Amino acid sequence: MKTLLDELTLRISAVFEKAGYDGRYGKVTLSNRPDLCEFQCNGAMAAAKEYKKAPVMIAGDVAAALEGEQIFIEVSAVAPGFLNLKISKEFLVEYLSQMAGADKYGLNTFDIPKKIVVDYGGPNVAKPLHVGHLRSAIIGEAVKRICRYMGNDVTGDIHLGDWGLQMGLIMTELRKRKPYLSYFDPDFSGEYPEEAPFSMEELEDIYPAASARSKEDEEYKNEAMNDTFLIQQGEPGHVALWQQIMNVSIPDLKKNYDKLNVSFELWKGESDAKPYIAEMVEGMKSGGYAYESDGALVVDIKEDTDTKEVPPCMILKSDGASLYTTTDLATLVDRRKNIDPDKLIYIADKRQEMHFMQVFRCAKKTGVVDKDTELDFLGFGTMNGKDGKPFKTREGGVMRLETLLDEIDEEMYRKIRDNHEVDEEEARATAKIVALAAIKYGDLSNQATKDYIFDIDKFTSFEGNTGPYILYTIVRIKSILNKFTESGGDVKSAGLREAVNETDKALILELVKFGQVIEGAYEELAPHKICSYIYDVANAFNSFYHENRILGEEDKSRQEGWIALLGLTKELLETCIELLGFYAPDRM
């Protein structure tokens, strides 16, 4: 189904041709002056040069040729050459009815789905999730859902940090604390214990202690580097202990991601790339791509169009150790072998842009991926506190994600209890749902690439451009529909009717943008476009609600038309918030 703008463009292009001009000038856009019109066409401005004619005269010719077109109630040519358009209520309702009856409301999904991998999350094992992990999880989950809704075959991979020096540091510190463990006995030949010799709480204490000591004690750091080497060489005790760290860490990570309504199809990590590294490196050498530079192995990736210096991509350090670039490239080998994706989307801090540019260029140049494989990086900005600096605890430390979620749950619970007399259990359950919306909408309503202020007071407000306001709007619609049903009405049999006033027309004008909004969010990897859409829909609905006595309307035909309109509004809002990764309660 064509988007409304595409449908209008098709019709206006035909009228341009009817008036003697090229149809390509007939592109219709939303009006940037909604006080004057609903849609506009600026093609006359561009056509003026070709036809050597004043733009307003061309616009006037098109306006004259539009006379008799039933879909417009008002057409005007305005200096210096704008064509202002107002659409008829009949056409709008007809279009909305087609949307309501179409799969995914007429969205143009892909007939041949793409295989897409979304790489997001990226936490290190043995460490608790903190607020720095929030944006990757929230944005990545939304992008994954949008890609899937467009008809693609999408796989989300958490890409764990489960390899490298941090694991060596943990093992060194464990040896200091528990030297008797069989994992550290080089002569041990039996079965290693099934139960881990530590809890998640102990692990969370071990890593920061080890990291701090390694910065002050060179001998300790060297020992940790040796432990890292032994893990990577497959020494049995170290590998068995590494597996125990994974066994304890992953359930804790899953528990916290579940609280965010974030899930991954794959729980792979850097360690899964290890088997592919040696062959990949050898291929880069034999293919003439990799060469030694100051002892390190690198690949040149600069291009003639570069306007700034782009350093070579380092594949191996001078001591032969791998880097993030190595494991990221080997992960691409893994994904090509096991998934063969058409497109990969990486979601990480925007400060990693150079790293991913190096990886992508190297992958294309050396044949790690096909030339046609799409590689996209969505770099997000920083989540800051009210002081404009990266979000911290009151004591100045990095806040655990679990702590932040609990704080917002409590804030929402307090507001719900202050506003309503509700059952304790229901209030707690509702608070969790609304708190999730507050966090996710607060993040996603900002353009991903920009820094933003994380303001709990603002995000948990029931007024303004917030998640709770969106949910309150949905709950209000649910309440009206339930009352209509309780009075003997049948929501399912209610059909859309012609709009009767400006408030219901304004709501319809917002609803019909659904297809173009979702397509735009997909093409630009921009969940904030969906946030803007549902905020506009919510505002239009609330204006409509305050201007009309829906349940008290005596004209039953008009009332049923409104009920059908409300039902579709609810469906579209619920579809959108599901794409953003949260949902609405039945009551608030």
Protein backbone atom coordinates (compact mmCIF):
# COMPACT_ATOMS: atom_id res chain seq x y z
CA MET A 1 0.00 0.00 0.00
CA LYS A 2 1.36 3.41 -0.93
CA THR A 3 2.03 5.86 1.89
CA LEU A 4 -0.33 8.82 1.85
CA LEU A 5 2.44 11.13 0.64
CA ASP A 6 3.27 8.75 -2.19
CA GLU A 7 -0.41 8.52 -3.12
CA LEU A 8 -0.77 12.31 -3.16
CA THR A 9 2.50 12.71 -5.08
CA LEU A 10 1.25 10.29 -7.73
CA ARG A 11 -1.91 12.32 -8.19
CA ILE A 12 -0.25 15.74 -8.20
CA SER A 13 2.43 14.49 -10.63
CA ALA A 14 -0.34 13.48 -13.03
CA VAL A 15 -1.85 16.96 -12.72
CA PHE A 16 1.53 18.59 -13.42
CA GLU A 17 1.62 16.60 -16.66
CA LYS A 18 -1.97 17.55 -17.40
CA ALA A 19 -0.96 21.21 -17.03
CA GLY A 20 1.96 20.71 -19.45
CA TYR A 21 4.84 20.21 -17.00
CA ASP A 22 7.09 17.30 -16.11
CA GLY A 23 5.49 15.04 -13.52
CA ARG A 24 8.68 14.76 -11.50
CA TYR A 25 7.93 18.19 -10.03
CA GLY A 26 4.79 16.89 -8.34
CA LYS A 27 6.36 15.71 -5.07
CA VAL A 28 4.04 16.35 -2.10
CA THR A 29 5.31 16.90 1.44
CA LEU A 30 3.74 17.65 4.79
CA SER A 31 3.10 21.34 5.22
CA ASN A 32 5.64 23.36 7.16
CA ARG A 33 2.83 25.84 7.81
CA PRO A 34 0.01 23.69 9.22
CA ASP A 35 -1.90 26.88 10.06
CA LEU A 36 -2.27 27.45 6.30
CA CYS A 37 -2.58 23.96 4.81
CA GLU A 38 -2.07 20.26 5.45
CA PHE A 39 0.20 19.38 2.52
CA GLN A 40 2.28 21.32 0.06
CA CYS A 41 4.09 20.93 -3.25
CA ASN A 42 7.11 23.10 -4.01
CA GLY A 43 7.77 21.68 -7.47
CA ALA A 44 6.88 24.91 -9.25
CA MET A 45 9.95 26.53 -7.68
CA ALA A 46 12.23 23.91 -9.26
CA ALA A 47 10.33 23.88 -12.57
CA ALA A 48 10.65 27.64 -13.07
CA LYS A 49 14.19 27.42 -14.43
CA GLU A 50 13.36 24.70 -16.94
CA TYR A 51 10.20 26.38 -18.23
CA LYS A 52 11.48 29.97 -17.89
CA LYS A 53 8.29 30.93 -16.12
CA ALA A 54 7.48 32.50 -12.75
CA PRO A 55 6.97 29.77 -10.12
CA VAL A 56 3.67 31.23 -8.96
CA MET A 57 2.34 31.05 -12.54
CA ILE A 58 3.28 27.35 -12.78
CA ALA A 59 1.67 26.72 -9.38
CA GLY A 60 -1.41 28.59 -10.63
CA ASP A 61 -1.62 26.41 -13.75
CA VAL A 62 -1.46 23.26 -11.62
CA ALA A 63 -4.05 24.62 -9.18
CA ALA A 64 -6.39 25.32 -12.10
CA ALA A 65 -5.87 21.81 -13.46
CA LEU A 66 -6.76 20.42 -10.03
CA GLU A 67 -10.28 21.82 -10.17
CA GLY A 68 -12.75 19.00 -9.90
CA GLU A 69 -10.35 16.68 -8.04
CA GLN A 70 -12.52 15.29 -5.26
CA ILE A 71 -9.72 14.46 -2.86
CA PHE A 72 -8.86 18.12 -2.17
CA ILE A 73 -11.19 20.63 -0.55
CA GLU A 74 -8.82 23.53 -0.99
CA VAL A 75 -5.98 24.21 -3.46
CA SER A 76 -4.14 27.50 -3.66
CA ALA A 77 -1.07 28.84 -5.44
CA VAL A 78 0.87 31.11 -3.10
CA ALA A 79 3.83 33.37 -3.89
CA PRO A 80 6.57 32.79 -4.64
CA GLY A 81 5.37 29.42 -5.99
CA PHE A 82 3.99 27.12 -3.31
CA LEU A 83 1.01 24.89 -3.95
CA ASN A 84 -0.99 24.60 -0.71
CA LEU A 85 -3.33 21.64 -0.31
CA LYS A 86 -6.09 20.64 2.07
CA ILE A 87 -7.41 17.12 1.78
CA SER A 88 -11.05 16.01 1.96
CA LYS A 89 -12.36 14.14 4.99
CA GLU A 90 -13.93 11.52 2.72
CA PHE A 91 -10.62 10.65 1.08
CA LEU A 92 -8.84 10.53 4.45
CA VAL A 93 -11.39 8.13 5.94
CA GLU A 94 -11.25 5.95 2.83
CA TYR A 95 -7.46 5.79 3.08
CA LEU A 96 -7.57 5.04 6.82
CA SER A 97 -10.12 2.28 6.23
CA GLN A 98 -7.75 0.66 3.74
CA MET A 99 -4.98 0.89 6.33
CA ALA A 100 -7.16 -0.71 8.98
CA GLY A 101 -7.90 -3.67 6.74
CA ALA A 102 -4.36 -4.21 5.47
CA ASP A 103 -1.60 -6.35 6.92
CA LYS A 104 0.60 -4.21 9.17
CA TYR A 105 -1.67 -1.26 8.35
CA GLY A 106 -0.48 -1.12 4.76
CA LEU A 107 3.23 -0.94 5.57
CA ASN A 108 5.40 -1.78 2.57
CA THR A 109 7.44 -4.68 3.96
CA PHE A 110 10.08 -6.60 2.04
CA ASP A 111 8.91 -9.40 -0.25
CA ILE A 112 12.41 -10.86 -0.13
CA PRO A 113 13.61 -10.42 3.45
CA LYS A 114 17.17 -9.47 4.21
CA LYS A 115 19.22 -11.43 6.69
CA ILE A 116 20.29 -8.85 9.25
CA VAL A 117 22.51 -9.16 12.32
CA VAL A 118 22.20 -6.44 14.96
CA ASP A 119 25.25 -6.34 17.23
CA TYR A 120 24.35 -4.55 20.47
CA GLY A 121 24.78 -4.85 24.21
CA GLY A 122 28.49 -5.65 24.38
CA PRO A 123 28.88 -6.02 28.17
CA ASN A 124 31.94 -7.56 29.79
CA VAL A 125 31.30 -10.74 31.74
CA ALA A 126 32.08 -10.85 35.48
CA LYS A 127 31.04 -7.22 35.78
CA PRO A 128 27.58 -5.84 36.61
CA LEU A 129 25.69 -3.88 34.00
CA HIS A 130 25.88 -0.16 34.64
CA VAL A 131 24.18 2.89 33.15
CA GLY A 132 26.77 2.96 30.37
CA HIS A 133 25.17 -0.20 28.98
CA LEU A 134 21.69 1.33 28.87
CA ARG A 135 21.74 3.08 25.50
CA SER A 136 23.18 0.17 23.54
CA ALA A 137 20.54 -2.17 24.96
CA ILE A 138 17.58 0.16 24.46
CA ILE A 139 18.52 1.47 21.01
CA GLY A 140 19.66 -1.93 19.76
CA GLU A 141 16.47 -3.67 20.84
CA ALA A 142 14.33 -1.02 19.10
CA VAL A 143 16.39 -1.19 15.89
CA LYS A 144 16.14 -4.98 15.88
CA ARG A 145 12.36 -4.88 16.31
CA ILE A 146 11.92 -2.25 13.60
CA CYS A 147 14.04 -4.24 11.15
CA ARG A 148 12.02 -7.38 11.91
CA TYR A 149 8.67 -5.57 11.57
CA MET A 150 9.74 -4.51 8.08
CA GLY A 151 9.78 -8.20 7.15
CA ASN A 152 13.46 -9.03 7.58
CA ASP A 153 15.07 -12.10 9.13
CA VAL A 154 16.85 -10.48 12.09
CA THR A 155 19.30 -11.89 14.63
CA GLY A 156 20.38 -9.94 17.70
CA ASP A 157 23.83 -10.81 19.08
CA ILE A 158 25.00 -9.49 22.46
CA HIS A 159 28.71 -9.89 21.55
CA LEU A 160 30.05 -10.43 25.07
CA GLY A 161 33.41 -9.18 26.24
CA ASP A 162 34.52 -12.61 27.48
CA TRP A 163 38.16 -12.69 26.40
CA GLY A 164 41.25 -10.65 26.96
CA LEU A 165 43.04 -9.09 29.91
CA GLN A 166 39.99 -8.70 32.16
CA MET A 167 39.72 -12.51 32.38
CA GLY A 168 43.40 -12.80 33.23
CA LEU A 169 43.02 -10.16 35.95
CA ILE A 170 40.15 -12.09 37.52
CA MET A 171 42.17 -15.31 37.54
CA THR A 172 45.23 -13.66 39.04
CA GLU A 173 43.17 -12.15 41.84
CA LEU A 174 41.39 -15.45 42.45
CA ARG A 175 44.76 -17.17 42.79
CA LYS A 176 45.79 -14.63 45.43
CA ARG A 177 42.58 -15.20 47.35
CA LYS A 178 42.13 -18.95 46.81
CA PRO A 179 45.49 -20.47 45.83
CA TYR A 180 44.26 -23.93 46.81
CA LEU A 181 41.80 -24.18 43.91
CA SER A 182 42.46 -27.13 41.60
CA TYR A 183 42.31 -24.83 38.56
CA PHE A 184 45.72 -23.42 39.56
CA ASP A 185 47.40 -26.80 40.09
CA PRO A 186 49.41 -27.62 36.92
CA ASP A 187 49.60 -31.28 37.99
CA PHE A 188 45.85 -31.71 38.51
CA SER A 189 44.44 -34.39 36.22
CA GLY A 190 40.94 -35.08 37.58
CA GLU A 191 37.54 -33.58 36.88
CA TYR A 192 37.19 -29.92 37.78
CA PRO A 193 34.32 -29.08 40.18
CA GLU A 194 30.85 -28.56 38.69
CA GLU A 195 30.07 -25.74 41.11
CA ALA A 196 31.78 -22.39 40.66
CA PRO A 197 34.20 -21.40 43.46
CA PHE A 198 32.65 -17.93 43.69
CA SER A 199 29.33 -16.09 43.52
CA MET A 200 28.41 -13.21 41.22
CA GLU A 201 28.79 -10.87 44.19
CA GLU A 202 32.37 -12.09 44.70
CA LEU A 203 33.15 -11.67 41.00
CA GLU A 204 31.86 -8.11 41.11
CA ASP A 205 34.34 -7.40 43.89
CA ILE A 206 37.25 -9.30 42.34
CA TYR A 207 37.49 -7.49 39.00
CA PRO A 208 37.71 -3.87 40.25
CA ALA A 209 40.19 -4.93 42.93
CA ALA A 210 42.35 -6.67 40.33
CA SER A 211 42.09 -3.79 37.88
CA ALA A 212 43.15 -1.24 40.52
CA ARG A 213 46.08 -3.33 41.71
CA SER A 214 47.37 -3.95 38.18
CA LYS A 215 47.74 -0.21 37.67
CA GLU A 216 50.07 0.06 40.64
CA ASP A 217 51.84 -3.33 40.66
CA GLU A 218 53.77 -4.16 37.50
CA GLU A 219 54.53 -7.72 38.62
CA TYR A 220 50.83 -8.32 39.29
CA LYS A 221 49.94 -6.97 35.84
CA ASN A 222 52.49 -9.23 34.17
CA GLU A 223 51.03 -12.20 36.03
CA ALA A 224 47.55 -11.25 34.76
CA MET A 225 48.89 -10.96 31.21
CA ASN A 226 50.37 -14.43 31.53
CA ASP A 227 47.04 -15.80 32.79
CA THR A 228 45.38 -14.18 29.78
CA PHE A 229 47.92 -15.89 27.52
CA LEU A 230 47.24 -19.27 29.16
CA ILE A 231 43.49 -18.87 28.62
CA GLN A 232 44.02 -18.07 24.97
CA GLN A 233 46.42 -21.01 24.59
CA GLY A 234 43.80 -23.39 26.00
CA GLU A 235 45.51 -24.40 29.27
CA PRO A 236 42.91 -26.78 30.83
CA GLY A 237 42.67 -25.23 34.31
CA HIS A 238 42.35 -21.71 32.97
CA VAL A 239 39.76 -22.76 30.38
CA ALA A 240 37.72 -24.58 33.03
CA LEU A 241 37.83 -21.54 35.32
CA TRP A 242 36.91 -19.26 32.41
CA GLN A 243 33.84 -21.46 31.81
CA GLN A 244 32.84 -21.10 35.47
CA ILE A 245 33.07 -17.32 35.15
CA MET A 246 30.76 -17.53 32.13
CA ASN A 247 28.34 -19.86 33.93
CA VAL A 248 27.95 -17.40 36.81
CA SER A 249 27.94 -14.18 34.77
CA ILE A 250 25.50 -14.92 31.95
CA PRO A 251 22.43 -15.72 34.11
CA ASP A 252 23.00 -12.44 35.97
CA LEU A 253 23.23 -10.54 32.68
CA LYS A 254 20.06 -12.20 31.38
CA LYS A 255 18.20 -11.27 34.56
CA ASN A 256 19.07 -7.58 34.14
CA TYR A 257 18.35 -7.50 30.41
CA ASP A 258 14.98 -9.14 31.12
CA LYS A 259 14.14 -6.18 33.35
CA LEU A 260 14.72 -3.96 30.32
CA ASN A 261 12.59 -6.21 28.09
CA VAL A 262 15.70 -6.80 25.98
CA SER A 263 16.56 -10.20 24.55
CA PHE A 264 19.18 -11.66 22.25
CA GLU A 265 18.97 -14.54 19.82
CA LEU A 266 22.71 -15.16 20.17
CA TRP A 267 24.85 -15.00 23.30
CA LYS A 268 28.19 -15.18 21.55
CA GLY A 269 31.35 -13.38 22.59
CA GLU A 270 34.87 -12.56 21.54
CA SER A 271 35.89 -16.10 22.50
CA ASP A 272 33.69 -17.51 19.73
CA ALA A 273 35.83 -15.67 17.19
CA LYS A 274 39.08 -17.27 18.39
CA PRO A 275 38.91 -20.39 16.16
CA TYR A 276 38.77 -18.20 13.05
CA ILE A 277 41.65 -15.85 13.84
CA ALA A 278 44.65 -17.89 12.67
CA GLU A 279 43.19 -18.77 9.27
CA MET A 280 41.89 -15.23 8.77
CA VAL A 281 45.29 -13.71 9.54
CA GLU A 282 47.06 -16.16 7.26
CA GLY A 283 44.62 -15.28 4.48
CA MET A 284 45.36 -11.58 4.89
CA LYS A 285 49.08 -12.30 4.69
CA SER A 286 48.91 -14.60 1.68
CA GLY A 287 46.56 -12.21 -0.10
CA GLY A 288 49.11 -9.44 0.20
CA TYR A 289 46.93 -7.26 2.41
CA ALA A 290 48.73 -7.53 5.77
CA TYR A 291 52.31 -6.46 6.42
CA GLU A 292 54.54 -5.78 9.39
CA SER A 293 54.92 -2.27 10.78
CA ASP A 294 57.05 -1.77 13.91
CA GLY A 295 56.54 -5.45 14.63
CA ALA A 296 52.76 -5.31 14.43
CA LEU A 297 50.66 -6.76 11.60
CA VAL A 298 48.55 -4.12 9.84
CA VAL A 299 46.36 -3.57 6.78
CA ASP A 300 46.24 -0.23 4.96
CA ILE A 301 42.67 1.02 4.66
CA LYS A 302 43.03 4.64 3.56
CA GLU A 303 41.07 5.73 0.50
CA ASP A 304 41.65 8.48 -2.06
CA THR A 305 38.55 10.35 -0.92
CA ASP A 306 39.68 10.60 2.72
CA THR A 307 39.96 14.19 3.93
CA LYS A 308 41.80 13.25 7.13
CA GLU A 309 44.46 10.75 8.09
CA VAL A 310 43.11 7.22 8.52
CA PRO A 311 45.60 4.94 10.28
CA PRO A 312 46.14 1.33 9.19
CA CYS A 313 43.99 -1.35 10.78
CA MET A 314 46.12 -3.30 13.28
CA ILE A 315 45.46 -7.04 13.11
CA LEU A 316 48.02 -8.33 15.63
CA LYS A 317 50.21 -6.53 18.17
CA SER A 318 53.99 -6.89 18.06
CA ASP A 319 53.82 -9.72 20.60
CA GLY A 320 51.33 -11.58 18.42
CA ALA A 321 48.37 -10.82 20.68
CA SER A 322 44.99 -10.06 19.11
CA LEU A 323 43.02 -6.84 19.56
CA TYR A 324 39.39 -5.75 19.37
CA THR A 325 39.87 -5.26 15.63
CA THR A 326 41.09 -8.87 15.37
CA THR A 327 38.13 -10.37 17.21
CA ASP A 328 35.62 -8.09 15.44
CA LEU A 329 36.96 -9.17 12.05
CA ALA A 330 37.00 -12.83 13.09
CA THR A 331 33.42 -12.42 14.35
CA LEU A 332 32.49 -11.31 10.84
CA VAL A 333 34.07 -14.53 9.54
CA ASP A 334 31.96 -16.47 12.05
CA ARG A 335 28.76 -14.67 11.06
CA ARG A 336 29.40 -15.13 7.36
CA LYS A 337 29.98 -18.84 7.88
CA ASN A 338 26.97 -19.48 10.14
CA ILE A 339 24.40 -16.82 9.14
CA ASP A 340 25.60 -15.26 5.87
CA PRO A 341 23.87 -11.91 6.54
CA ASP A 342 23.08 -9.32 3.90
CA LYS A 343 23.47 -6.55 6.44
CA LEU A 344 25.12 -6.03 9.82
CA ILE A 345 24.27 -3.17 12.16
CA TYR A 346 26.62 -2.32 15.02
CA ILE A 347 25.32 -0.17 17.87
CA ALA A 348 27.93 1.31 20.20
CA ASP A 349 29.25 4.57 21.63
CA LYS A 350 29.90 7.06 18.82
CA ARG A 351 33.46 7.47 20.07
CA GLN A 352 34.13 4.04 18.51
CA GLU A 353 33.41 5.36 15.01
CA MET A 354 37.04 5.16 13.88
CA HIS A 355 37.36 1.59 15.16
CA PHE A 356 34.34 0.43 13.19
CA MET A 357 35.40 2.33 10.07
CA GLN A 358 38.72 0.47 10.23
CA VAL A 359 37.01 -2.89 10.76
CA PHE A 360 34.49 -2.32 7.94
CA ARG A 361 37.08 -1.15 5.43
CA CYS A 362 39.46 -3.96 6.31
CA ALA A 363 36.68 -6.55 6.06
CA LYS A 364 35.69 -5.35 2.58
CA LYS A 365 39.25 -4.98 1.32
CA THR A 366 40.43 -8.41 2.48
CA GLY A 367 37.28 -10.33 1.52
CA VAL A 368 36.21 -11.13 5.08
CA VAL A 369 32.75 -10.08 3.86
CA ASP A 370 31.29 -9.85 0.36
CA LYS A 371 31.51 -6.51 -1.42
CA ASP A 372 27.70 -6.29 -1.36
CA THR A 373 27.35 -6.90 2.39
CA GLU A 374 26.02 -3.79 4.12
CA LEU A 375 27.94 -2.73 7.21
CA ASP A 376 26.31 0.02 9.29
CA PHE A 377 27.46 1.68 12.49
CA LEU A 378 24.99 3.57 14.66
CA GLY A 379 27.03 5.51 17.19
CA PHE A 380 25.10 6.87 20.14
CA GLY A 381 25.79 9.89 22.31
CA THR A 382 26.38 10.08 26.04
CA MET A 383 23.71 9.78 28.71
CA ASN A 384 24.42 12.73 31.01
CA GLY A 385 23.16 13.92 34.37
CA LYS A 386 21.54 17.30 34.98
CA ASP A 387 25.03 18.78 35.35
CA GLY A 388 25.71 17.90 31.72
CA LYS A 389 28.37 15.34 32.68
CA PRO A 390 28.17 11.55 32.28
CA PHE A 391 25.49 10.17 34.59
CA LYS A 392 26.88 9.17 38.01
CA THR A 393 25.68 8.16 41.46
CA ARG A 394 25.30 10.84 44.14
CA GLU A 395 28.71 9.73 45.41
CA GLY A 396 30.23 10.24 41.96
CA GLY A 397 30.59 6.59 40.98
CA VAL A 398 29.20 4.70 38.00
CA MET A 399 25.64 3.65 38.84
CA ARG A 400 24.66 0.01 38.47
CA LEU A 401 21.86 -0.46 35.99
CA GLU A 402 19.90 -2.50 38.51
CA THR A 403 20.07 0.39 40.99
CA LEU A 404 18.83 2.88 38.40
CA LEU A 405 15.90 0.65 37.45
CA ASP A 406 14.96 0.19 41.10
CA GLU A 407 15.07 3.95 41.71
CA ILE A 408 12.76 4.65 38.79
CA ASP A 409 10.42 1.82 39.80
CA GLU A 410 10.14 3.41 43.26
CA GLU A 411 9.52 6.88 41.81
CA MET A 412 6.73 5.58 39.58
CA TYR A 413 5.24 3.58 42.47
CA ARG A 414 5.17 6.71 44.64
CA LYS A 415 3.44 8.74 41.93
CA ILE A 416 0.85 6.03 41.28
CA ARG A 417 0.07 5.69 45.00
CA ASP A 418 -0.11 9.48 45.44
CA ASN A 419 -2.61 9.86 42.58
CA HIS A 420 -4.86 6.84 43.12
CA GLU A 421 -6.15 4.46 45.73
CA VAL A 422 -4.87 1.19 44.32
CA ASP A 423 -4.01 -2.26 45.56
CA GLU A 424 -0.37 -2.56 46.66
CA GLU A 425 0.41 -5.48 44.37
CA GLU A 426 -1.25 -3.86 41.37
CA ALA A 427 0.52 -0.57 42.07
CA ARG A 428 3.91 -2.31 42.15
CA ALA A 429 3.24 -4.21 38.91
CA THR A 430 1.96 -1.09 37.13
CA ALA A 431 4.91 0.96 38.39
CA LYS A 432 7.36 -1.46 36.75
CA ILE A 433 5.55 -1.23 33.41
CA VAL A 434 5.40 2.58 33.49
CA ALA A 435 8.99 2.89 34.73
CA LEU A 436 10.21 0.84 31.77
CA ALA A 437 8.33 3.15 29.41
CA ALA A 438 9.79 6.18 31.19
CA ILE A 439 13.36 4.92 30.73
CA LYS A 440 13.02 3.68 27.16
CA TYR A 441 10.98 6.56 25.81
CA GLY A 442 13.22 9.04 27.64
CA ASP A 443 16.20 7.63 25.76
CA LEU A 444 14.65 6.80 22.39
CA SER A 445 12.83 10.12 21.96
CA ASN A 446 16.26 11.70 21.52
CA GLN A 447 18.16 11.25 18.29
CA ALA A 448 20.53 8.37 19.02
CA THR A 449 23.68 10.16 17.88
CA LYS A 450 23.17 13.07 20.29
CA ASP A 451 24.05 13.35 23.96
CA TYR A 452 21.06 13.81 26.24
CA ILE A 453 20.19 14.65 29.83
CA PHE A 454 18.81 11.76 31.87
CA ASP A 455 16.27 13.55 34.05
CA ILE A 456 14.27 11.15 36.24
CA ASP A 457 11.78 13.84 37.27
CA LYS A 458 11.04 14.72 33.64
CA PHE A 459 11.00 11.16 32.34
CA THR A 460 8.55 9.95 35.01
CA SER A 461 6.12 12.84 34.50
CA PHE A 462 2.62 12.08 33.22
CA GLU A 463 2.66 15.33 31.25
CA GLY A 464 4.69 16.35 28.22
CA ASN A 465 6.71 14.26 25.82
CA THR A 466 7.25 11.26 28.11
CA GLY A 467 6.64 7.52 28.21
CA PRO A 468 4.07 7.78 31.05
CA TYR A 469 2.08 10.34 29.02
CA ILE A 470 1.98 7.94 26.05
CA LEU A 471 0.87 5.05 28.27
CA TYR A 472 -1.75 7.20 30.00
CA THR A 473 -3.18 8.04 26.59
CA ILE A 474 -3.41 4.36 25.64
CA VAL A 475 -5.01 3.49 29.00
CA ARG A 476 -7.53 6.30 28.54
CA ILE A 477 -8.53 4.87 25.15
CA LYS A 478 -8.80 1.39 26.66
CA SER A 479 -11.10 2.77 29.36
CA ILE A 480 -13.42 4.41 26.81
CA LEU A 481 -13.60 1.24 24.73
CA ASN A 482 -14.31 -0.88 27.82
CA LYS A 483 -17.11 1.45 28.91
CA PHE A 484 -18.59 1.34 25.42
CA THR A 485 -18.57 -2.46 25.57
CA GLU A 486 -20.09 -2.49 29.08
CA SER A 487 -22.96 -0.29 27.82
CA GLY A 488 -23.81 -2.91 25.19
CA GLY A 489 -21.72 -1.62 22.28
CA ASP A 490 -19.63 -3.82 19.99
CA VAL A 491 -16.20 -2.35 19.29
CA LYS A 492 -15.37 -4.94 16.61
CA SER A 493 -18.43 -4.17 14.52
CA ALA A 494 -17.93 -0.39 14.67
CA GLY A 495 -16.81 0.98 11.32
CA LEU A 496 -14.96 4.16 10.45
CA ARG A 497 -17.20 7.03 9.37
CA GLU A 498 -16.56 10.34 7.67
CA ALA A 499 -14.82 12.82 9.97
CA VAL A 500 -17.33 15.37 11.27
CA ASN A 501 -15.10 18.05 12.77
CA GLU A 502 -11.55 19.32 12.79
CA THR A 503 -10.47 17.35 15.88
CA ASP A 504 -11.25 13.92 14.46
CA LYS A 505 -9.79 14.95 11.11
CA ALA A 506 -6.61 16.09 12.87
CA LEU A 507 -6.35 12.68 14.56
CA ILE A 508 -6.82 10.86 11.25
CA LEU A 509 -4.15 13.06 9.64
CA GLU A 510 -1.69 11.82 12.26
CA LEU A 511 -2.69 8.16 12.03
CA VAL A 512 -2.24 7.96 8.27
CA LYS A 513 1.46 8.83 8.62
CA PHE A 514 2.16 5.39 10.12
CA GLY A 515 3.70 3.75 7.03
CA GLN A 516 6.03 6.60 6.11
CA VAL A 517 7.17 6.93 9.75
CA ILE A 518 8.06 3.25 10.13
CA GLU A 519 9.81 3.18 6.74
CA GLY A 520 11.79 6.29 7.71
CA ALA A 521 12.74 4.85 11.10
CA TYR A 522 14.00 1.71 9.37
CA GLU A 523 15.92 3.42 6.58
CA GLU A 524 17.62 5.90 8.92
CA LEU A 525 17.95 3.59 11.98
CA ALA A 526 16.02 6.26 13.84
CA PRO A 527 13.66 5.07 16.61
CA HIS A 528 13.16 8.71 17.65
CA LYS A 529 10.96 9.16 14.56
CA ILE A 530 8.49 6.65 16.02
CA CYS A 531 8.56 8.53 19.34
CA SER A 532 7.73 11.78 17.56
CA TYR A 533 4.89 10.06 15.73
CA ILE A 534 3.22 8.56 18.79
CA TYR A 535 3.58 11.84 20.70
CA ASP A 536 1.78 13.65 17.87
CA VAL A 537 -0.90 10.93 17.78
CA ALA A 538 -1.35 11.13 21.56
CA ASN A 539 -1.70 14.91 21.43
CA ALA A 540 -4.21 14.71 18.57
CA PHE A 541 -6.23 12.08 20.41
CA ASN A 542 -6.31 14.06 23.67
CA SER A 543 -7.48 17.19 21.82
CA PHE A 544 -10.19 15.09 20.17
CA TYR A 545 -11.15 13.54 23.52
CA HIS A 546 -11.54 16.91 25.25
CA GLU A 547 -13.62 18.39 22.40
CA ASN A 548 -16.11 15.54 21.95
CA ARG A 549 -18.48 13.64 24.25
CA ILE A 550 -17.67 10.22 22.81
CA LEU A 551 -19.69 8.02 25.15
CA GLY A 552 -22.42 10.65 25.51
CA GLU A 553 -22.87 11.15 21.75
CA GLU A 554 -26.53 10.56 20.83
CA ASP A 555 -25.94 10.04 17.13
CA LYS A 556 -25.11 6.32 17.20
CA SER A 557 -23.60 6.27 13.71
CA ARG A 558 -21.24 9.10 14.63
CA GLN A 559 -20.42 7.45 17.95
CA GLU A 560 -19.57 4.13 16.30
CA GLY A 561 -17.33 5.93 13.84
CA TRP A 562 -15.48 7.54 16.72
CA ILE A 563 -15.19 4.22 18.56
CA ALA A 564 -13.68 2.63 15.45
CA LEU A 565 -11.27 5.54 15.21
CA LEU A 566 -10.26 5.06 18.85
CA GLY A 567 -9.78 1.34 18.36
CA LEU A 568 -7.41 1.93 15.46
CA THR A 569 -5.58 4.67 17.40
CA LYS A 570 -4.98 2.22 20.25
CA GLU A 571 -3.74 -0.48 17.87
CA LEU A 572 -1.27 1.84 16.16
CA LEU A 573 0.03 3.25 19.44
CA GLU A 574 0.45 -0.26 20.88
CA THR A 575 2.22 -1.43 17.73
CA CYS A 576 4.64 1.48 17.96
CA ILE A 577 5.49 1.08 21.64
CA GLU A 578 6.07 -2.63 21.06
CA LEU A 579 8.60 -1.67 18.37
CA LEU A 580 10.25 0.59 20.94
CA GLY A 581 10.38 -2.27 23.45
CA PHE A 582 7.75 -1.46 26.06
CA TYR A 583 4.03 -1.97 26.56
CA ALA A 584 0.99 -0.46 28.27
CA PRO A 585 -0.91 -1.64 31.37
CA ASP A 586 -4.69 -2.01 31.38
CA ARG A 587 -5.06 0.56 34.13
CA MET A 588 -3.03 3.39 35.61
